[in-house]
Amino acid sequence: MSQKQQERIEAQETTEEAPETPVPQESQPTGETPPKKRDKKKGKWVSIEEISPKPSYWPLALTISICVLLMGIMIHPVVIGVGALLVILSVMGWRLEGGS
């Protein structure tokens, strides 16, 4: 046999004798997170006035409507109906207010 063939046989014998060690696969977590790619787009600066909600009386109207609705439970069924109507109107008014 040639020397190359002997080296191959010896290499095969050593790999057969050695216990197999698990090779980490890419699907297994290694504890390292890959670096995130950053977009090269620059963000637009926004002022606080652009993202803040406009002042409104509708949250106060909704609060009072819920109080009337709950008082109707103690007082009379007609007051429950009035309170429910006020709650519906308050929610609709708040939702439809100044939609941009």
C-alpha atoms as a PDB file:
ATOM      1  CA  MET A   1       0.000   0.000   0.000  1.00  0.00           C
ATOM      2  CA  SER A   2       1.047   3.488  -0.619  1.00  0.00           C
ATOM      3  CA  GLN A   3       1.652   5.937   2.151  1.00  0.00           C
ATOM      4  CA  LYS A   4      -1.448   7.995   1.292  1.00  0.00           C
ATOM      5  CA  GLN A   5      -3.662   4.942   1.578  1.00  0.00           C
ATOM      6  CA  GLN A   6      -2.138   4.081   4.957  1.00  0.00           C
ATOM      7  CA  GLU A   7      -2.781   7.626   6.211  1.00  0.00           C
ATOM      8  CA  ARG A   8      -6.401   7.393   5.082  1.00  0.00           C
ATOM      9  CA  ILE A   9      -6.862   4.075   6.856  1.00  0.00           C
ATOM     10  CA  GLU A  10      -5.282   5.424  10.045  1.00  0.00           C
ATOM     11  CA  ALA A  11      -7.468   8.530   9.876  1.00  0.00           C
ATOM     12  CA  GLN A  12     -10.572   6.386   9.475  1.00  0.00           C
ATOM     13  CA  GLU A  13      -9.570   4.191  12.405  1.00  0.00           C
ATOM     14  CA  THR A  14      -9.002   7.168  14.693  1.00  0.00           C
ATOM     15  CA  THR A  15     -12.361   8.684  13.768  1.00  0.00           C
ATOM     16  CA  GLU A  16     -14.106   5.360  14.368  1.00  0.00           C
ATOM     17  CA  GLU A  17     -12.526   4.981  17.815  1.00  0.00           C
ATOM     18  CA  ALA A  18     -13.118   8.534  18.968  1.00  0.00           C
ATOM     19  CA  PRO A  19     -16.547   9.213  20.447  1.00  0.00           C
ATOM     20  CA  GLU A  20     -18.672  11.526  18.378  1.00  0.00           C
ATOM     21  CA  THR A  21     -19.115  14.977  19.781  1.00  0.00           C
ATOM     22  CA  PRO A  22     -22.285  16.848  18.906  1.00  0.00           C
ATOM     23  CA  VAL A  23     -21.649  19.492  16.335  1.00  0.00           C
ATOM     24  CA  PRO A  24     -23.592  22.667  17.053  1.00  0.00           C
ATOM     25  CA  GLN A  25     -26.036  23.270  14.271  1.00  0.00           C
ATOM     26  CA  GLU A  26     -27.287  26.639  13.213  1.00  0.00           C
ATOM     27  CA  SER A  27     -30.792  25.720  14.319  1.00  0.00           C
ATOM     28  CA  GLN A  28     -29.652  25.228  17.905  1.00  0.00           C
ATOM     29  CA  PRO A  29     -29.299  28.349  20.033  1.00  0.00           C
ATOM     30  CA  THR A  30     -25.688  29.154  20.791  1.00  0.00           C
ATOM     31  CA  GLY A  31     -26.321  32.015  23.194  1.00  0.00           C
ATOM     32  CA  GLU A  32     -25.027  34.588  20.763  1.00  0.00           C
ATOM     33  CA  THR A  33     -27.401  36.818  18.893  1.00  0.00           C
ATOM     34  CA  PRO A  34     -26.579  37.710  15.329  1.00  0.00           C
ATOM     35  CA  PRO A  35     -25.815  41.363  14.746  1.00  0.00           C
ATOM     36  CA  LYS A  36     -28.868  43.316  13.678  1.00  0.00           C
ATOM     37  CA  LYS A  37     -28.848  45.158  10.424  1.00  0.00           C
ATOM     38  CA  ARG A  38     -29.468  48.858  10.727  1.00  0.00           C
ATOM     39  CA  ASP A  39     -31.471  50.733   8.189  1.00  0.00           C
ATOM     40  CA  LYS A  40     -29.638  53.635   6.703  1.00  0.00           C
ATOM     41  CA  LYS A  41     -32.814  55.700   6.552  1.00  0.00           C
ATOM     42  CA  LYS A  42     -32.786  58.654   8.845  1.00  0.00           C
ATOM     43  CA  GLY A  43     -35.833  59.177  11.029  1.00  0.00           C
ATOM     44  CA  LYS A  44     -37.943  62.279  10.883  1.00  0.00           C
ATOM     45  CA  TRP A  45     -37.978  64.391  14.024  1.00  0.00           C
ATOM     46  CA  VAL A  46     -41.483  64.905  15.371  1.00  0.00           C
ATOM     47  CA  SER A  47     -42.607  67.604  17.749  1.00  0.00           C
ATOM     48  CA  ILE A  48     -44.617  66.779  20.847  1.00  0.00           C
ATOM     49  CA  GLU A  49     -47.588  68.758  19.484  1.00  0.00           C
ATOM     50  CA  GLU A  50     -47.818  66.478  16.450  1.00  0.00           C
ATOM     51  CA  ILE A  51     -48.136  63.269  18.459  1.00  0.00           C
ATOM     52  CA  SER A  52     -50.074  64.504  21.492  1.00  0.00           C
ATOM     53  CA  PRO A  53     -53.866  64.189  21.514  1.00  0.00           C
ATOM     54  CA  LYS A  54     -55.854  67.390  21.321  1.00  0.00           C
ATOM     55  CA  PRO A  55     -57.665  68.541  24.487  1.00  0.00           C
ATOM     56  CA  SER A  56     -61.251  67.271  24.600  1.00  0.00           C
ATOM     57  CA  TYR A  57     -64.351  67.344  26.796  1.00  0.00           C
ATOM     58  CA  TRP A  58     -65.560  63.927  25.601  1.00  0.00           C
ATOM     59  CA  PRO A  59     -63.731  61.902  28.282  1.00  0.00           C
ATOM     60  CA  LEU A  60     -65.481  64.013  30.933  1.00  0.00           C
ATOM     61  CA  ALA A  61     -68.828  63.527  29.178  1.00  0.00           C
ATOM     62  CA  LEU A  62     -68.242  59.769  29.081  1.00  0.00           C
ATOM     63  CA  THR A  63     -67.382  59.710  32.786  1.00  0.00           C
ATOM     64  CA  ILE A  64     -70.559  61.576  33.712  1.00  0.00           C
ATOM     65  CA  SER A  65     -72.597  59.314  31.407  1.00  0.00           C
ATOM     66  CA  ILE A  66     -71.245  56.191  33.103  1.00  0.00           C
ATOM     67  CA  CYS A  67     -72.087  57.700  36.506  1.00  0.00           C
ATOM     68  CA  VAL A  68     -75.674  58.379  35.338  1.00  0.00           C
ATOM     69  CA  LEU A  69     -75.887  54.814  34.017  1.00  0.00           C
ATOM     70  CA  LEU A  70     -74.703  53.356  37.335  1.00  0.00           C
ATOM     71  CA  MET A  71     -77.016  55.621  39.341  1.00  0.00           C
ATOM     72  CA  GLY A  72     -79.871  54.337  37.203  1.00  0.00           C
ATOM     73  CA  ILE A  73     -79.282  50.875  38.639  1.00  0.00           C
ATOM     74  CA  MET A  74     -80.109  52.245  42.074  1.00  0.00           C
ATOM     75  CA  ILE A  75     -82.835  54.733  41.119  1.00  0.00           C
ATOM     76  CA  HIS A  76     -85.050  53.669  38.189  1.00  0.00           C
ATOM     77  CA  PRO A  77     -84.837  51.717  34.896  1.00  0.00           C
ATOM     78  CA  VAL A  78     -85.604  54.887  32.913  1.00  0.00           C
ATOM     79  CA  VAL A  79     -82.412  56.472  34.256  1.00  0.00           C
ATOM     80  CA  ILE A  80     -80.501  53.381  33.076  1.00  0.00           C
ATOM     81  CA  GLY A  81     -81.817  54.022  29.548  1.00  0.00           C
ATOM     82  CA  VAL A  82     -80.856  57.696  29.702  1.00  0.00           C
ATOM     83  CA  GLY A  83     -77.389  56.792  30.971  1.00  0.00           C
ATOM     84  CA  ALA A  84     -76.905  54.164  28.243  1.00  0.00           C
ATOM     85  CA  LEU A  85     -77.937  56.684  25.590  1.00  0.00           C
ATOM     86  CA  LEU A  86     -75.513  59.257  26.997  1.00  0.00           C
ATOM     87  CA  VAL A  87     -72.680  56.671  27.054  1.00  0.00           C
ATOM     88  CA  ILE A  88     -73.310  55.791  23.398  1.00  0.00           C
ATOM     89  CA  LEU A  89     -73.404  59.463  22.380  1.00  0.00           C
ATOM     90  CA  SER A  90     -70.250  60.241  24.365  1.00  0.00           C
ATOM     91  CA  VAL A  91     -68.302  57.378  22.795  1.00  0.00           C
ATOM     92  CA  MET A  92     -69.460  58.335  19.309  1.00  0.00           C
ATOM     93  CA  GLY A  93     -68.634  61.997  19.877  1.00  0.00           C
ATOM     94  CA  TRP A  94     -65.180  61.193  21.212  1.00  0.00           C
ATOM     95  CA  ARG A  95     -64.480  58.818  18.341  1.00  0.00           C
ATOM     96  CA  LEU A  96     -65.676  61.175  15.615  1.00  0.00           C
ATOM     97  CA  GLU A  97     -64.015  64.255  17.069  1.00  0.00           C
ATOM     98  CA  GLY A  98     -61.538  65.945  14.741  1.00  0.00           C
ATOM     99  CA  GLY A  99     -60.470  62.806  12.859  1.00  0.00           C
ATOM    100  CA  SER A 100     -57.338  63.552  10.917  1.00  0.00           C
END
